[in-house]
Amino acid sequence: MSGDTMRTTVQTHEFAADCQTRLALDMLAGTWTGVVLWTLRNGPLRPGELQARIGGIRHKVLNGTLRRLEQNGLVTRRRYAEAPPRVEYELTDPGRGLLEPLAVLGRWTERYADEILNAQARALTDP
């Protein structure tokens, strides 16, 4: 297969429904997923600490996000046998591996946020 044919084949099937490439996109699809992962980048935190650092996230939503992240192997939950009980969340290796793409998305946002917001505002005012 020539280089051009191979490139066309890869481009055509890159994001097919059953393609593993979509895994990262699915992981980051949640509204708070990237924010929670980024907030955990410097080490383990308790849910209350996460909520305070993030701001604007309800307790129930944070718990659901943490549960999904744990189910997907992106964070670990450590429960300490103390009174009162203490729980901390920490990134796993795959979770830490998402920090680089999140940083790239952050730079993209800094560069294009104004254009995106302006386009959204125009779409709301144009019939």
Protein backbone atom coordinates (compact mmCIF):
# COMPACT_ATOMS: atom_id res chain seq x y z
CA MET A 1 0.00 0.00 0.00
CA SER A 2 1.41 3.40 -0.93
CA GLY A 3 1.78 6.19 1.65
CA ASP A 4 -1.12 8.13 0.11
CA THR A 5 -3.41 5.10 0.17
CA MET A 6 -2.50 4.36 3.77
CA ARG A 7 -3.11 7.97 4.82
CA THR A 8 -6.52 7.94 3.12
CA THR A 9 -7.45 4.65 4.80
CA VAL A 10 -6.47 5.93 8.25
CA GLN A 11 -8.26 9.24 7.74
CA THR A 12 -11.43 7.52 6.54
CA HIS A 13 -11.69 5.13 9.50
CA GLU A 14 -10.05 7.12 12.30
CA PHE A 15 -13.16 7.89 14.30
CA ALA A 16 -15.45 5.02 13.36
CA ALA A 17 -17.91 4.01 16.05
CA ASP A 18 -15.80 1.05 17.19
CA CYS A 19 -12.40 2.75 16.91
CA GLN A 20 -10.28 2.86 20.05
CA THR A 21 -9.09 6.33 19.04
CA ARG A 22 -12.46 7.63 20.25
CA LEU A 23 -11.71 6.40 23.77
CA ALA A 24 -9.97 9.63 24.82
CA LEU A 25 -12.75 11.75 23.35
CA ASP A 26 -15.33 9.73 25.26
CA MET A 27 -13.26 10.04 28.45
CA LEU A 28 -13.20 13.84 28.18
CA ALA A 29 -16.82 14.26 27.08
CA GLY A 30 -18.12 14.98 30.59
CA THR A 31 -18.52 18.65 31.48
CA TRP A 32 -16.38 18.38 34.62
CA THR A 33 -14.05 15.51 33.70
CA GLY A 34 -11.14 17.60 32.45
CA VAL A 35 -11.51 20.08 35.29
CA VAL A 36 -11.40 17.34 37.94
CA LEU A 37 -8.43 15.62 36.29
CA TRP A 38 -6.53 18.91 36.03
CA THR A 39 -7.30 19.79 39.65
CA LEU A 40 -5.80 16.46 40.77
CA ARG A 41 -2.55 17.04 38.83
CA ASN A 42 -0.51 17.99 41.92
CA GLY A 43 -1.50 15.04 44.07
CA PRO A 44 -4.35 13.44 45.99
CA LEU A 45 -7.24 15.51 47.31
CA ARG A 46 -10.32 14.93 49.39
CA PRO A 47 -13.71 15.60 47.75
CA GLY A 48 -14.26 18.76 49.80
CA GLU A 49 -10.84 20.10 48.74
CA LEU A 50 -11.64 19.33 45.11
CA GLN A 51 -14.98 21.09 45.34
CA ALA A 52 -13.42 24.16 46.95
CA ARG A 53 -10.62 24.39 44.37
CA ILE A 54 -12.93 23.87 41.40
CA GLY A 55 -15.79 26.12 42.51
CA GLY A 56 -19.22 25.99 40.89
CA ILE A 57 -19.56 22.20 40.97
CA ARG A 58 -22.30 20.63 43.07
CA HIS A 59 -21.37 17.85 45.49
CA LYS A 60 -23.57 15.32 43.69
CA VAL A 61 -22.04 16.17 40.30
CA LEU A 62 -18.50 15.93 41.69
CA ASN A 63 -19.24 12.53 43.23
CA GLY A 64 -20.69 11.27 39.93
CA THR A 65 -17.67 12.55 38.01
CA LEU A 66 -15.24 10.94 40.47
CA ARG A 67 -17.16 7.66 40.28
CA ARG A 68 -16.95 7.64 36.46
CA LEU A 69 -13.25 8.52 36.55
CA GLU A 70 -12.63 5.68 39.00
CA GLN A 71 -14.68 3.21 36.91
CA ASN A 72 -12.59 4.18 33.87
CA GLY A 73 -9.31 3.73 35.75
CA LEU A 74 -8.31 7.39 35.62
CA VAL A 75 -8.36 7.98 39.39
CA THR A 76 -8.01 5.81 42.45
CA ARG A 77 -10.08 6.22 45.58
CA ARG A 78 -8.26 5.68 48.83
CA ARG A 79 -10.32 5.27 51.98
CA TYR A 80 -8.60 5.67 55.34
CA ALA A 81 -9.83 3.83 58.43
CA GLU A 82 -10.10 6.91 60.60
CA ALA A 83 -12.82 8.56 62.61
CA PRO A 84 -14.33 10.41 60.87
CA PRO A 85 -13.65 8.44 57.65
CA ARG A 86 -11.37 10.12 55.15
CA VAL A 87 -11.36 9.56 51.38
CA GLU A 88 -8.84 10.87 48.85
CA TYR A 89 -8.71 10.70 45.08
CA GLU A 90 -5.51 10.49 43.06
CA LEU A 91 -4.68 10.22 39.37
CA THR A 92 -3.58 6.86 37.98
CA ASP A 93 -0.99 6.58 35.21
CA PRO A 94 -3.68 6.79 32.50
CA GLY A 95 -5.19 9.79 34.32
CA ARG A 96 -1.81 11.52 34.44
CA GLY A 97 -1.41 10.68 30.76
CA LEU A 98 -4.43 12.87 29.98
CA LEU A 99 -2.79 15.94 31.53
CA GLU A 100 -0.74 16.65 28.41
CA PRO A 101 -3.77 16.65 26.06
CA LEU A 102 -5.64 18.78 28.60
CA ALA A 103 -2.78 21.30 28.59
CA VAL A 104 -2.91 21.41 24.78
CA LEU A 105 -6.70 21.98 24.92
CA GLY A 106 -6.09 24.77 27.42
CA ARG A 107 -3.66 26.48 25.04
CA TRP A 108 -6.17 26.04 22.19
CA THR A 109 -8.84 27.66 24.35
CA GLU A 110 -6.60 30.61 25.19
CA ARG A 111 -5.97 31.14 21.49
CA TYR A 112 -9.50 30.69 20.14
CA ALA A 113 -11.95 31.34 22.99
CA ASP A 114 -12.85 34.85 21.87
CA GLU A 115 -13.54 33.70 18.30
CA ILE A 116 -15.70 30.82 19.51
CA LEU A 117 -17.65 33.03 21.93
CA ASN A 118 -18.17 35.65 19.22
CA ALA A 119 -19.45 32.99 16.80
CA GLN A 120 -21.85 31.71 19.46
CA ALA A 121 -23.13 35.23 20.15
CA ARG A 122 -23.67 35.84 16.41
CA ALA A 123 -25.56 32.54 16.11
CA LEU A 124 -27.92 33.65 18.88
CA THR A 125 -28.66 37.00 17.22
CA ASP A 126 -28.87 35.84 13.57
CA PRO A 127 -32.24 34.54 12.45
